[in-house]
Amino acid sequence: MTAPPHAKGHEPLLDVRGLSVAFPGRQGWIPVVEDMDVRIMPGEVVGIVGESGCGKSSLALALLGLLPRWAGARVTGQAFFDGAELLSLDPKAMRRVRGDRIAMIPQDPMGALNPLFAVGSQVEEAILAHGRANGAQPRKQALELLGSVRLDDPETRARQYPHELSGGMRQRVVGAIAMAGGPDLLIADEPTTALDVTVQAQYLDLLRDLQRSRGLSILFITHDLGVVATLCDRVIVMYAGRKVEEASVSDLFASPRHWYTRALLDSVPPLLEDRDELATIPGTPPRPESTLAGCRFAPRCPNGAAKCREEEPVLAAAGESSVCRCWFPLPERHRDG
């Protein structure tokens, strides 16, 4: 397995090696994530991008031990956080890590918040649960947290219930709850999907400020390449459960190497160009239970050859800091200066 190099002498905060997730099906195990490597350095923002159903959220839930037990998921591989192996932790030990060291912002804040309690009390509960209460002042700390995520008039908002807040406000509340334990790593699972463009920009600016002021590492899961360009330092592109490309954001946008990445970039609506039609990717991703030989993107790839349909490509170096899973990658573009 080839991985992008990092600066010598620096250890990753999160080091995921060969992580796979599969669910039981009628004909055997159905893989949804296969052989994923993810490395996040202290203070780094790494994005994972791909179409819905590619395994992004399953990867995040597996790292935190939050895959539903009734589903009977099988998780293999290794995931080291600050040197400790996450996947081997018992539930009690995982609860000490989850929230305190690694926190998660979910995609649906309305589903994450309890509709029967005011949002301020829910932030207080998180502070108490993580042992962060300073004497008898959890209420004061909750208001400070709500203010830190730029929620206007925290005292009034703290008395309100989730249904009384807008989507952007609710997303800020779950952000405050995530920050209650003082985490080192924040996993954000498509937190801007339901927000309009203006509120989305404000929320991304907030995340970047929190990352800089607190030295957070962030794993940002999204299908929106515009968000990746705004927030992330490095990006992993997933397709059908596998990593197909990884590069710095600047390299990925300037010189994508995988044909799927190129197609994703082409499908972003342009702001200043006139087009009669938006570019689309023909076909659909393969179902997890399918048994396609060769490259999984080959049926949709404009450059697919016989070898692509017969033999699966390996993840290989595609530049100084990039990797790509493609037999015939796009040529590297050299930028001036």
C-alpha atoms as a PDB file:
ATOM      1  CA  MET A   1       0.000   0.000   0.000  1.00  0.00           C
ATOM      2  CA  THR A   2       1.422   3.363  -1.017  1.00  0.00           C
ATOM      3  CA  ALA A   3       0.627   6.423   1.061  1.00  0.00           C
ATOM      4  CA  PRO A   4       1.519  10.077   0.618  1.00  0.00           C
ATOM      5  CA  PRO A   5       4.692  10.994   2.524  1.00  0.00           C
ATOM      6  CA  HIS A   6       4.577  13.294   5.533  1.00  0.00           C
ATOM      7  CA  ALA A   7       7.286  15.379   7.096  1.00  0.00           C
ATOM      8  CA  LYS A   8       9.856  13.265   8.864  1.00  0.00           C
ATOM      9  CA  GLY A   9       9.788  13.370  12.638  1.00  0.00           C
ATOM     10  CA  HIS A  10       6.074  14.102  12.801  1.00  0.00           C
ATOM     11  CA  GLU A  11       3.626  11.388  13.838  1.00  0.00           C
ATOM     12  CA  PRO A  12      -0.004  11.425  12.674  1.00  0.00           C
ATOM     13  CA  LEU A  13      -2.698  12.043  15.250  1.00  0.00           C
ATOM     14  CA  LEU A  14      -4.939   9.544  13.441  1.00  0.00           C
ATOM     15  CA  ASP A  15      -3.407   6.680  11.485  1.00  0.00           C
ATOM     16  CA  VAL A  16      -5.920   4.331   9.861  1.00  0.00           C
ATOM     17  CA  ARG A  17      -4.441   1.298   8.126  1.00  0.00           C
ATOM     18  CA  GLY A  18      -6.360  -1.067   5.874  1.00  0.00           C
ATOM     19  CA  LEU A  19      -9.744  -0.373   7.458  1.00  0.00           C
ATOM     20  CA  SER A  20     -12.607  -2.408   5.993  1.00  0.00           C
ATOM     21  CA  VAL A  21     -16.286  -2.497   6.917  1.00  0.00           C
ATOM     22  CA  ALA A  22     -18.706  -5.196   5.749  1.00  0.00           C
ATOM     23  CA  PHE A  23     -22.325  -6.059   6.581  1.00  0.00           C
ATOM     24  CA  PRO A  24     -23.908  -9.524   6.471  1.00  0.00           C
ATOM     25  CA  GLY A  25     -26.080 -10.267   3.439  1.00  0.00           C
ATOM     26  CA  ARG A  26     -27.931 -13.219   1.983  1.00  0.00           C
ATOM     27  CA  GLN A  27     -24.972 -14.280  -0.122  1.00  0.00           C
ATOM     28  CA  GLY A  28     -22.245 -13.482   2.430  1.00  0.00           C
ATOM     29  CA  TRP A  29     -20.488 -10.344   3.585  1.00  0.00           C
ATOM     30  CA  ILE A  30     -21.202  -7.108   1.703  1.00  0.00           C
ATOM     31  CA  PRO A  31     -18.230  -4.705   1.742  1.00  0.00           C
ATOM     32  CA  VAL A  32     -18.969  -0.987   2.054  1.00  0.00           C
ATOM     33  CA  VAL A  33     -15.441   0.206   2.929  1.00  0.00           C
ATOM     34  CA  GLU A  34     -12.355  -1.638   1.717  1.00  0.00           C
ATOM     35  CA  ASP A  35      -8.709  -1.300   2.670  1.00  0.00           C
ATOM     36  CA  MET A  36      -8.821   2.400   3.594  1.00  0.00           C
ATOM     37  CA  ASP A  37      -5.764   4.275   4.811  1.00  0.00           C
ATOM     38  CA  VAL A  38      -6.287   7.699   6.389  1.00  0.00           C
ATOM     39  CA  ARG A  39      -3.595   9.752   8.085  1.00  0.00           C
ATOM     40  CA  ILE A  40      -4.264  13.074   9.784  1.00  0.00           C
ATOM     41  CA  MET A  41      -1.462  15.162  11.259  1.00  0.00           C
ATOM     42  CA  PRO A  42      -1.967  17.415  14.313  1.00  0.00           C
ATOM     43  CA  GLY A  43      -3.760  20.575  13.233  1.00  0.00           C
ATOM     44  CA  GLU A  44      -4.506  19.249   9.738  1.00  0.00           C
ATOM     45  CA  VAL A  45      -7.875  19.327   7.952  1.00  0.00           C
ATOM     46  CA  VAL A  46      -8.434  16.303   5.716  1.00  0.00           C
ATOM     47  CA  GLY A  47     -11.482  15.992   3.505  1.00  0.00           C
ATOM     48  CA  ILE A  48     -13.111  12.793   2.269  1.00  0.00           C
ATOM     49  CA  VAL A  49     -15.213  13.329  -0.841  1.00  0.00           C
ATOM     50  CA  GLY A  50     -17.336  11.039  -2.973  1.00  0.00           C
ATOM     51  CA  GLU A  51     -20.854  10.299  -4.131  1.00  0.00           C
ATOM     52  CA  SER A  52     -23.536   9.211  -1.684  1.00  0.00           C
ATOM     53  CA  GLY A  53     -23.140   5.565  -0.726  1.00  0.00           C
ATOM     54  CA  CYS A  54     -19.374   5.406  -1.288  1.00  0.00           C
ATOM     55  CA  GLY A  55     -18.686   4.528   2.366  1.00  0.00           C
ATOM     56  CA  LYS A  56     -17.657   7.894   3.821  1.00  0.00           C
ATOM     57  CA  SER A  57     -20.026   7.876   6.798  1.00  0.00           C
ATOM     58  CA  SER A  58     -19.511   4.151   7.484  1.00  0.00           C
ATOM     59  CA  LEU A  59     -15.792   4.842   7.786  1.00  0.00           C
ATOM     60  CA  ALA A  60     -16.383   7.599  10.346  1.00  0.00           C
ATOM     61  CA  LEU A  61     -18.876   5.566  12.383  1.00  0.00           C
ATOM     62  CA  ALA A  62     -16.511   2.587  12.431  1.00  0.00           C
ATOM     63  CA  LEU A  63     -13.705   4.737  13.841  1.00  0.00           C
ATOM     64  CA  LEU A  64     -15.928   5.851  16.720  1.00  0.00           C
ATOM     65  CA  GLY A  65     -17.516   2.461  17.370  1.00  0.00           C
ATOM     66  CA  LEU A  66     -20.941   3.824  16.413  1.00  0.00           C
ATOM     67  CA  LEU A  67     -22.029   1.354  13.748  1.00  0.00           C
ATOM     68  CA  PRO A  68     -25.400  -0.064  14.866  1.00  0.00           C
ATOM     69  CA  ARG A  69     -25.010  -3.359  16.698  1.00  0.00           C
ATOM     70  CA  TRP A  70     -28.155  -4.807  15.130  1.00  0.00           C
ATOM     71  CA  ALA A  71     -26.530  -4.515  11.700  1.00  0.00           C
ATOM     72  CA  GLY A  72     -23.773  -6.976  12.679  1.00  0.00           C
ATOM     73  CA  ALA A  73     -21.011  -5.055  10.914  1.00  0.00           C
ATOM     74  CA  ARG A  74     -17.563  -6.603  10.639  1.00  0.00           C
ATOM     75  CA  VAL A  75     -14.737  -4.081  11.026  1.00  0.00           C
ATOM     76  CA  THR A  76     -11.154  -5.103  10.280  1.00  0.00           C
ATOM     77  CA  GLY A  77      -7.865  -3.270   9.997  1.00  0.00           C
ATOM     78  CA  GLN A  78      -6.211  -0.885  12.439  1.00  0.00           C
ATOM     79  CA  ALA A  79      -6.851   2.673  13.579  1.00  0.00           C
ATOM     80  CA  PHE A  80      -4.294   4.350  15.816  1.00  0.00           C
ATOM     81  CA  PHE A  81      -5.249   7.564  17.589  1.00  0.00           C
ATOM     82  CA  ASP A  82      -2.384   9.323  19.335  1.00  0.00           C
ATOM     83  CA  GLY A  83      -0.600   5.954  19.377  1.00  0.00           C
ATOM     84  CA  ALA A  84      -3.499   3.937  20.878  1.00  0.00           C
ATOM     85  CA  GLU A  85      -5.399   1.364  18.787  1.00  0.00           C
ATOM     86  CA  LEU A  86      -9.069   2.393  18.600  1.00  0.00           C
ATOM     87  CA  LEU A  87     -10.695  -0.698  17.124  1.00  0.00           C
ATOM     88  CA  SER A  88      -9.533  -2.966  19.949  1.00  0.00           C
ATOM     89  CA  LEU A  89     -10.907  -0.754  22.737  1.00  0.00           C
ATOM     90  CA  ASP A  90     -13.731  -2.156  24.853  1.00  0.00           C
ATOM     91  CA  PRO A  91     -16.936  -0.072  24.991  1.00  0.00           C
ATOM     92  CA  LYS A  92     -16.004   1.589  28.303  1.00  0.00           C
ATOM     93  CA  ALA A  93     -12.575   2.640  27.058  1.00  0.00           C
ATOM     94  CA  MET A  94     -14.054   3.864  23.777  1.00  0.00           C
ATOM     95  CA  ARG A  95     -16.504   6.070  25.673  1.00  0.00           C
ATOM     96  CA  ARG A  96     -13.538   7.771  27.348  1.00  0.00           C
ATOM     97  CA  VAL A  97     -12.091   8.593  23.925  1.00  0.00           C
ATOM     98  CA  ARG A  98     -15.329   9.458  22.160  1.00  0.00           C
ATOM     99  CA  GLY A  99     -16.278  13.035  22.957  1.00  0.00           C
ATOM    100  CA  ASP A 100     -13.216  13.791  25.067  1.00  0.00           C
ATOM    101  CA  ARG A 101     -10.503  13.169  22.447  1.00  0.00           C
ATOM    102  CA  ILE A 102     -12.536  12.594  19.268  1.00  0.00           C
ATOM    103  CA  ALA A 103     -15.857  14.357  18.701  1.00  0.00           C
ATOM    104  CA  MET A 104     -18.349  14.174  15.861  1.00  0.00           C
ATOM    105  CA  ILE A 105     -20.675  16.698  14.253  1.00  0.00           C
ATOM    106  CA  PRO A 106     -23.542  14.792  12.591  1.00  0.00           C
ATOM    107  CA  GLN A 107     -25.218  15.639   9.311  1.00  0.00           C
ATOM    108  CA  ASP A 108     -28.702  15.993  10.833  1.00  0.00           C
ATOM    109  CA  PRO A 109     -28.696  18.210  13.950  1.00  0.00           C
ATOM    110  CA  MET A 110     -32.448  17.843  14.407  1.00  0.00           C
ATOM    111  CA  GLY A 111     -32.011  14.102  14.753  1.00  0.00           C
ATOM    112  CA  ALA A 112     -29.059  14.536  17.111  1.00  0.00           C
ATOM    113  CA  LEU A 113     -30.742  16.967  19.500  1.00  0.00           C
ATOM    114  CA  ASN A 114     -33.428  15.906  21.979  1.00  0.00           C
ATOM    115  CA  PRO A 115     -36.642  17.759  21.070  1.00  0.00           C
ATOM    116  CA  LEU A 116     -37.884  17.657  24.687  1.00  0.00           C
ATOM    117  CA  PHE A 117     -35.061  19.681  26.240  1.00  0.00           C
ATOM    118  CA  ALA A 118     -33.842  23.242  25.776  1.00  0.00           C
ATOM    119  CA  VAL A 119     -30.569  23.370  23.856  1.00  0.00           C
ATOM    120  CA  GLY A 120     -28.699  25.001  26.734  1.00  0.00           C
ATOM    121  CA  SER A 121     -29.416  22.054  29.025  1.00  0.00           C
ATOM    122  CA  GLN A 122     -28.143  19.679  26.322  1.00  0.00           C
ATOM    123  CA  VAL A 123     -24.848  21.559  26.122  1.00  0.00           C
ATOM    124  CA  GLU A 124     -24.621  21.467  29.933  1.00  0.00           C
ATOM    125  CA  GLU A 125     -25.208  17.715  29.861  1.00  0.00           C
ATOM    126  CA  ALA A 126     -22.276  17.281  27.480  1.00  0.00           C
ATOM    127  CA  ILE A 127     -20.025  19.384  29.734  1.00  0.00           C
ATOM    128  CA  LEU A 128     -20.946  17.278  32.767  1.00  0.00           C
ATOM    129  CA  ALA A 129     -20.667  13.987  30.873  1.00  0.00           C
ATOM    130  CA  HIS A 130     -17.089  14.769  29.872  1.00  0.00           C
ATOM    131  CA  GLY A 131     -16.089  15.978  33.322  1.00  0.00           C
ATOM    132  CA  ARG A 132     -15.431  19.500  32.087  1.00  0.00           C
ATOM    133  CA  ALA A 133     -17.632  21.313  34.622  1.00  0.00           C
ATOM    134  CA  ASN A 134     -15.750  24.055  36.430  1.00  0.00           C
ATOM    135  CA  GLY A 135     -17.157  23.995  39.938  1.00  0.00           C
ATOM    136  CA  ALA A 136     -20.856  24.813  39.975  1.00  0.00           C
ATOM    137  CA  GLN A 137     -20.838  26.750  36.701  1.00  0.00           C
ATOM    138  CA  PRO A 138     -21.853  24.380  33.886  1.00  0.00           C
ATOM    139  CA  ARG A 139     -24.535  26.870  32.824  1.00  0.00           C
ATOM    140  CA  LYS A 140     -21.960  29.639  32.419  1.00  0.00           C
ATOM    141  CA  GLN A 141     -19.682  27.283  30.488  1.00  0.00           C
ATOM    142  CA  ALA A 142     -22.573  26.253  28.235  1.00  0.00           C
ATOM    143  CA  LEU A 143     -23.264  29.895  27.377  1.00  0.00           C
ATOM    144  CA  GLU A 144     -19.572  30.440  26.643  1.00  0.00           C
ATOM    145  CA  LEU A 145     -19.566  27.427  24.316  1.00  0.00           C
ATOM    146  CA  LEU A 146     -22.671  28.670  22.506  1.00  0.00           C
ATOM    147  CA  GLY A 147     -20.980  32.035  22.113  1.00  0.00           C
ATOM    148  CA  SER A 148     -17.795  30.416  20.825  1.00  0.00           C
ATOM    149  CA  VAL A 149     -19.731  28.907  17.897  1.00  0.00           C
ATOM    150  CA  ARG A 150     -21.108  32.370  17.080  1.00  0.00           C
ATOM    151  CA  LEU A 151     -24.667  31.711  18.154  1.00  0.00           C
ATOM    152  CA  ASP A 152     -26.245  35.127  18.602  1.00  0.00           C
ATOM    153  CA  ASP A 153     -27.726  35.968  22.037  1.00  0.00           C
ATOM    154  CA  PRO A 154     -26.627  32.707  23.750  1.00  0.00           C
ATOM    155  CA  GLU A 155     -28.762  33.298  26.847  1.00  0.00           C
ATOM    156  CA  THR A 156     -31.965  33.475  24.811  1.00  0.00           C
ATOM    157  CA  ARG A 157     -31.014  30.612  22.514  1.00  0.00           C
ATOM    158  CA  ALA A 158     -30.083  28.401  25.478  1.00  0.00           C
ATOM    159  CA  ARG A 159     -33.691  28.561  26.693  1.00  0.00           C
ATOM    160  CA  GLN A 160     -35.113  27.576  23.318  1.00  0.00           C
ATOM    161  CA  TYR A 161     -35.927  24.119  22.009  1.00  0.00           C
ATOM    162  CA  PRO A 162     -34.437  22.645  18.823  1.00  0.00           C
ATOM    163  CA  HIS A 163     -37.605  23.261  16.765  1.00  0.00           C
ATOM    164  CA  GLU A 164     -37.421  26.966  17.604  1.00  0.00           C
ATOM    165  CA  LEU A 165     -34.013  27.346  15.944  1.00  0.00           C
ATOM    166  CA  SER A 166     -33.063  27.527  12.295  1.00  0.00           C
ATOM    167  CA  GLY A 167     -31.014  24.776  10.655  1.00  0.00           C
ATOM    168  CA  GLY A 168     -27.855  26.858  10.891  1.00  0.00           C
ATOM    169  CA  MET A 169     -28.461  27.567  14.582  1.00  0.00           C
ATOM    170  CA  ARG A 170     -29.043  23.886  15.341  1.00  0.00           C
ATOM    171  CA  GLN A 171     -25.826  22.994  13.554  1.00  0.00           C
ATOM    172  CA  ARG A 172     -23.969  25.486  15.743  1.00  0.00           C
ATOM    173  CA  VAL A 173     -25.513  23.925  18.849  1.00  0.00           C
ATOM    174  CA  VAL A 174     -24.299  20.437  17.936  1.00  0.00           C
ATOM    175  CA  GLY A 175     -20.931  22.041  17.217  1.00  0.00           C
ATOM    176  CA  ALA A 176     -20.900  23.435  20.762  1.00  0.00           C
ATOM    177  CA  ILE A 177     -21.790  20.000  22.128  1.00  0.00           C
ATOM    178  CA  ALA A 178     -18.943  18.471  20.100  1.00  0.00           C
ATOM    179  CA  MET A 179     -16.490  21.008  21.521  1.00  0.00           C
ATOM    180  CA  ALA A 180     -17.662  20.442  25.132  1.00  0.00           C
ATOM    181  CA  GLY A 181     -15.093  17.704  25.733  1.00  0.00           C
ATOM    182  CA  GLY A 182     -12.175  19.699  24.338  1.00  0.00           C
ATOM    183  CA  PRO A 183     -11.402  17.185  21.558  1.00  0.00           C
ATOM    184  CA  ASP A 184      -8.185  16.919  19.575  1.00  0.00           C
ATOM    185  CA  LEU A 185      -9.919  15.499  16.495  1.00  0.00           C
ATOM    186  CA  LEU A 186     -13.267  16.596  15.104  1.00  0.00           C
ATOM    187  CA  ILE A 187     -15.107  14.379  12.611  1.00  0.00           C
ATOM    188  CA  ALA A 188     -17.654  16.433  10.659  1.00  0.00           C
ATOM    189  CA  ASP A 189     -20.058  14.265   8.660  1.00  0.00           C
ATOM    190  CA  GLU A 190     -21.511  16.504   5.930  1.00  0.00           C
ATOM    191  CA  PRO A 191     -22.569  19.197   8.442  1.00  0.00           C
ATOM    192  CA  THR A 192     -23.291  21.799   5.732  1.00  0.00           C
ATOM    193  CA  THR A 193     -25.513  19.686   3.472  1.00  0.00           C
ATOM    194  CA  ALA A 194     -28.817  21.161   4.654  1.00  0.00           C
ATOM    195  CA  LEU A 195     -27.587  24.753   4.923  1.00  0.00           C
ATOM    196  CA  ASP A 196     -28.088  27.453   2.321  1.00  0.00           C
ATOM    197  CA  VAL A 197     -25.004  28.901   0.644  1.00  0.00           C
ATOM    198  CA  THR A 198     -24.659  31.970   2.877  1.00  0.00           C
ATOM    199  CA  VAL A 199     -25.048  30.047   6.146  1.00  0.00           C
ATOM    200  CA  GLN A 200     -22.742  27.326   4.808  1.00  0.00           C
ATOM    201  CA  ALA A 201     -19.983  29.878   4.190  1.00  0.00           C
ATOM    202  CA  GLN A 202     -20.387  31.266   7.701  1.00  0.00           C
ATOM    203  CA  TYR A 203     -20.250  27.766   9.204  1.00  0.00           C
ATOM    204  CA  LEU A 204     -17.097  26.831   7.287  1.00  0.00           C
ATOM    205  CA  ASP A 205     -15.469  30.063   8.443  1.00  0.00           C
ATOM    206  CA  LEU A 206     -16.402  29.122  12.012  1.00  0.00           C
ATOM    207  CA  LEU A 207     -14.853  25.658  11.684  1.00  0.00           C
ATOM    208  CA  ARG A 208     -11.627  27.089  10.300  1.00  0.00           C
ATOM    209  CA  ASP A 209     -11.438  29.602  13.170  1.00  0.00           C
ATOM    210  CA  LEU A 210     -12.030  26.847  15.738  1.00  0.00           C
ATOM    211  CA  GLN A 211      -9.379  24.701  14.056  1.00  0.00           C
ATOM    212  CA  ARG A 212      -6.811  27.490  14.162  1.00  0.00           C
ATOM    213  CA  SER A 213      -7.568  28.770  17.658  1.00  0.00           C
ATOM    214  CA  ARG A 214      -7.694  25.340  19.296  1.00  0.00           C
ATOM    215  CA  GLY A 215      -5.207  23.450  17.139  1.00  0.00           C
ATOM    216  CA  LEU A 216      -7.890  20.973  16.092  1.00  0.00           C
ATOM    217  CA  SER A 217      -7.440  18.254  13.543  1.00  0.00           C
ATOM    218  CA  ILE A 218     -10.548  17.791  11.401  1.00  0.00           C
ATOM    219  CA  LEU A 219     -11.787  14.928   9.255  1.00  0.00           C
ATOM    220  CA  PHE A 220     -14.381  16.575   7.017  1.00  0.00           C
ATOM    221  CA  ILE A 221     -16.754  14.289   5.103  1.00  0.00           C
ATOM    222  CA  THR A 222     -18.580  15.826   2.167  1.00  0.00           C
ATOM    223  CA  HIS A 223     -19.729  15.380  -1.417  1.00  0.00           C
ATOM    224  CA  ASP A 224     -19.147  19.064  -2.154  1.00  0.00           C
ATOM    225  CA  LEU A 225     -15.807  19.918  -3.754  1.00  0.00           C
ATOM    226  CA  GLY A 226     -16.457  23.605  -3.132  1.00  0.00           C
ATOM    227  CA  VAL A 227     -16.420  22.920   0.602  1.00  0.00           C
ATOM    228  CA  VAL A 228     -13.189  20.947   0.215  1.00  0.00           C
ATOM    229  CA  ALA A 229     -11.524  23.882  -1.547  1.00  0.00           C
ATOM    230  CA  THR A 230     -12.611  26.264   1.215  1.00  0.00           C
ATOM    231  CA  LEU A 231     -11.667  24.282   4.296  1.00  0.00           C
ATOM    232  CA  CYS A 232      -9.310  21.366   3.699  1.00  0.00           C
ATOM    233  CA  ASP A 233      -5.542  20.985   3.440  1.00  0.00           C
ATOM    234  CA  ARG A 234      -5.626  17.524   1.879  1.00  0.00           C
ATOM    235  CA  VAL A 235      -8.378  15.454   0.275  1.00  0.00           C
ATOM    236  CA  ILE A 236      -9.164  11.765  -0.170  1.00  0.00           C
ATOM    237  CA  VAL A 237     -11.464  10.795  -3.035  1.00  0.00           C
ATOM    238  CA  MET A 238     -13.549   7.651  -2.446  1.00  0.00           C
ATOM    239  CA  TYR A 239     -15.418   5.594  -4.993  1.00  0.00           C
ATOM    240  CA  ALA A 240     -17.436   2.445  -4.277  1.00  0.00           C
ATOM    241  CA  GLY A 241     -15.837   1.946  -0.865  1.00  0.00           C
ATOM    242  CA  ARG A 242     -12.219   2.459  -1.913  1.00  0.00           C
ATOM    243  CA  LYS A 243      -9.742   5.298  -2.020  1.00  0.00           C
ATOM    244  CA  VAL A 244      -9.056   6.215  -5.643  1.00  0.00           C
ATOM    245  CA  GLU A 245      -6.987   9.355  -5.141  1.00  0.00           C
ATOM    246  CA  GLU A 246      -5.347  11.401  -2.405  1.00  0.00           C
ATOM    247  CA  ALA A 247      -3.535  14.704  -2.780  1.00  0.00           C
ATOM    248  CA  SER A 248      -3.196  18.176  -1.355  1.00  0.00           C
ATOM    249  CA  VAL A 249      -6.168  20.371  -2.206  1.00  0.00           C
ATOM    250  CA  SER A 250      -4.064  22.604  -4.444  1.00  0.00           C
ATOM    251  CA  ASP A 251      -2.646  19.641  -6.380  1.00  0.00           C
ATOM    252  CA  LEU A 252      -6.014  17.920  -6.706  1.00  0.00           C
ATOM    253  CA  PHE A 253      -7.748  20.949  -8.175  1.00  0.00           C
ATOM    254  CA  ALA A 254      -4.840  21.919 -10.414  1.00  0.00           C
ATOM    255  CA  SER A 255      -3.949  18.446 -11.632  1.00  0.00           C
ATOM    256  CA  PRO A 256      -6.360  15.591 -10.824  1.00  0.00           C
ATOM    257  CA  ARG A 257      -4.900  12.215 -11.745  1.00  0.00           C
ATOM    258  CA  HIS A 258      -7.908   9.879 -11.507  1.00  0.00           C
ATOM    259  CA  TRP A 259     -10.645  10.050 -14.122  1.00  0.00           C
ATOM    260  CA  TYR A 260     -13.334   9.978 -11.429  1.00  0.00           C
ATOM    261  CA  THR A 261     -11.807  13.005  -9.725  1.00  0.00           C
ATOM    262  CA  ARG A 262     -11.693  14.785 -13.088  1.00  0.00           C
ATOM    263  CA  ALA A 263     -15.376  13.961 -13.630  1.00  0.00           C
ATOM    264  CA  LEU A 264     -16.300  15.291 -10.170  1.00  0.00           C
ATOM    265  CA  LEU A 265     -14.489  18.553 -10.872  1.00  0.00           C
ATOM    266  CA  ASP A 266     -16.117  18.875 -14.287  1.00  0.00           C
ATOM    267  CA  SER A 267     -19.569  18.401 -12.750  1.00  0.00           C
ATOM    268  CA  VAL A 268     -19.188  21.471 -10.489  1.00  0.00           C
ATOM    269  CA  PRO A 269     -21.364  24.256 -11.960  1.00  0.00           C
ATOM    270  CA  PRO A 270     -19.159  27.102 -13.242  1.00  0.00           C
ATOM    271  CA  LEU A 271     -19.807  30.646 -12.044  1.00  0.00           C
ATOM    272  CA  LEU A 272     -18.480  32.666 -14.953  1.00  0.00           C
ATOM    273  CA  GLU A 273     -18.865  30.365 -17.956  1.00  0.00           C
ATOM    274  CA  ASP A 274     -21.937  29.938 -20.116  1.00  0.00           C
ATOM    275  CA  ARG A 275     -22.870  26.302 -20.664  1.00  0.00           C
ATOM    276  CA  ASP A 276     -25.955  24.883 -22.261  1.00  0.00           C
ATOM    277  CA  GLU A 277     -25.702  21.753 -20.099  1.00  0.00           C
ATOM    278  CA  LEU A 278     -24.021  20.755 -16.873  1.00  0.00           C
ATOM    279  CA  ALA A 279     -21.410  18.027 -17.118  1.00  0.00           C
ATOM    280  CA  THR A 280     -22.554  14.746 -15.574  1.00  0.00           C
ATOM    281  CA  ILE A 281     -21.006  11.359 -14.873  1.00  0.00           C
ATOM    282  CA  PRO A 282     -22.825   8.701 -16.920  1.00  0.00           C
ATOM    283  CA  GLY A 283     -24.148   5.599 -15.205  1.00  0.00           C
ATOM    284  CA  THR A 284     -24.300   4.865 -11.494  1.00  0.00           C
ATOM    285  CA  PRO A 285     -21.813   3.517  -8.928  1.00  0.00           C
ATOM    286  CA  PRO A 286     -21.803  -0.284  -8.534  1.00  0.00           C
ATOM    287  CA  ARG A 287     -23.853  -1.758  -5.717  1.00  0.00           C
ATOM    288  CA  PRO A 288     -21.766  -2.937  -2.746  1.00  0.00           C
ATOM    289  CA  GLU A 289     -22.779  -6.574  -3.303  1.00  0.00           C
ATOM    290  CA  SER A 290     -21.752  -6.549  -6.977  1.00  0.00           C
ATOM    291  CA  THR A 291     -18.746  -8.607  -8.033  1.00  0.00           C
ATOM    292  CA  LEU A 292     -17.250  -6.475 -10.775  1.00  0.00           C
ATOM    293  CA  ALA A 293     -13.818  -7.487 -11.972  1.00  0.00           C
ATOM    294  CA  GLY A 294     -11.216  -4.820 -12.608  1.00  0.00           C
ATOM    295  CA  CYS A 295     -11.579  -1.123 -11.843  1.00  0.00           C
ATOM    296  CA  ARG A 296     -14.922  -0.248 -10.288  1.00  0.00           C
ATOM    297  CA  PHE A 297     -15.080   3.009 -12.188  1.00  0.00           C
ATOM    298  CA  ALA A 298     -14.344   1.356 -15.560  1.00  0.00           C
ATOM    299  CA  PRO A 299     -18.028   1.132 -16.687  1.00  0.00           C
ATOM    300  CA  ARG A 300     -18.334   4.924 -16.306  1.00  0.00           C
ATOM    301  CA  CYS A 301     -14.822   5.963 -17.316  1.00  0.00           C
ATOM    302  CA  PRO A 302     -14.228   7.694 -20.678  1.00  0.00           C
ATOM    303  CA  ASN A 303     -10.733   6.186 -20.794  1.00  0.00           C
ATOM    304  CA  GLY A 304     -11.592   2.624 -19.768  1.00  0.00           C
ATOM    305  CA  ALA A 305      -9.618  -0.094 -21.567  1.00  0.00           C
ATOM    306  CA  ALA A 306      -9.720  -3.881 -21.553  1.00  0.00           C
ATOM    307  CA  LYS A 307      -7.152  -4.042 -18.739  1.00  0.00           C
ATOM    308  CA  CYS A 308      -9.333  -1.761 -16.624  1.00  0.00           C
ATOM    309  CA  ARG A 309     -12.269  -4.165 -16.902  1.00  0.00           C
ATOM    310  CA  GLU A 310     -10.179  -7.243 -16.151  1.00  0.00           C
ATOM    311  CA  GLU A 311      -7.675  -6.264 -13.466  1.00  0.00           C
ATOM    312  CA  GLU A 312      -8.164  -3.989 -10.466  1.00  0.00           C
ATOM    313  CA  PRO A 313      -5.562  -1.207 -10.296  1.00  0.00           C
ATOM    314  CA  VAL A 314      -3.393  -0.745  -7.229  1.00  0.00           C
ATOM    315  CA  LEU A 315      -2.983   2.462  -5.256  1.00  0.00           C
ATOM    316  CA  ALA A 316       0.329   3.898  -6.434  1.00  0.00           C
ATOM    317  CA  ALA A 317       2.321   7.113  -6.136  1.00  0.00           C
ATOM    318  CA  ALA A 318       1.256   9.776  -8.634  1.00  0.00           C
ATOM    319  CA  GLY A 319       3.607  12.600  -7.743  1.00  0.00           C
ATOM    320  CA  GLU A 320       5.498  13.827  -4.704  1.00  0.00           C
ATOM    321  CA  SER A 321       2.470  13.942  -2.415  1.00  0.00           C
ATOM    322  CA  SER A 322      -0.300  12.131  -4.285  1.00  0.00           C
ATOM    323  CA  VAL A 323      -1.552   8.592  -4.792  1.00  0.00           C
ATOM    324  CA  CYS A 324      -3.959   7.305  -7.441  1.00  0.00           C
ATOM    325  CA  ARG A 325      -5.722   4.015  -8.177  1.00  0.00           C
ATOM    326  CA  CYS A 326      -5.748   3.954 -11.983  1.00  0.00           C
ATOM    327  CA  TRP A 327      -3.975   1.984 -14.723  1.00  0.00           C
ATOM    328  CA  PHE A 328      -3.960   4.984 -17.055  1.00  0.00           C
ATOM    329  CA  PRO A 329      -4.001   8.133 -14.874  1.00  0.00           C
ATOM    330  CA  LEU A 330      -4.347  11.597 -16.271  1.00  0.00           C
ATOM    331  CA  PRO A 331      -1.000  13.281 -16.963  1.00  0.00           C
ATOM    332  CA  GLU A 332       0.313  15.614 -14.304  1.00  0.00           C
ATOM    333  CA  ARG A 333      -0.043  19.266 -15.114  1.00  0.00           C
ATOM    334  CA  HIS A 334       2.959  21.392 -14.206  1.00  0.00           C
ATOM    335  CA  ARG A 335       2.107  24.797 -12.860  1.00  0.00           C
ATOM    336  CA  ASP A 336       4.293  27.803 -13.537  1.00  0.00           C
ATOM    337  CA  GLY A 337       6.186  29.176 -10.564  1.00  0.00           C
END
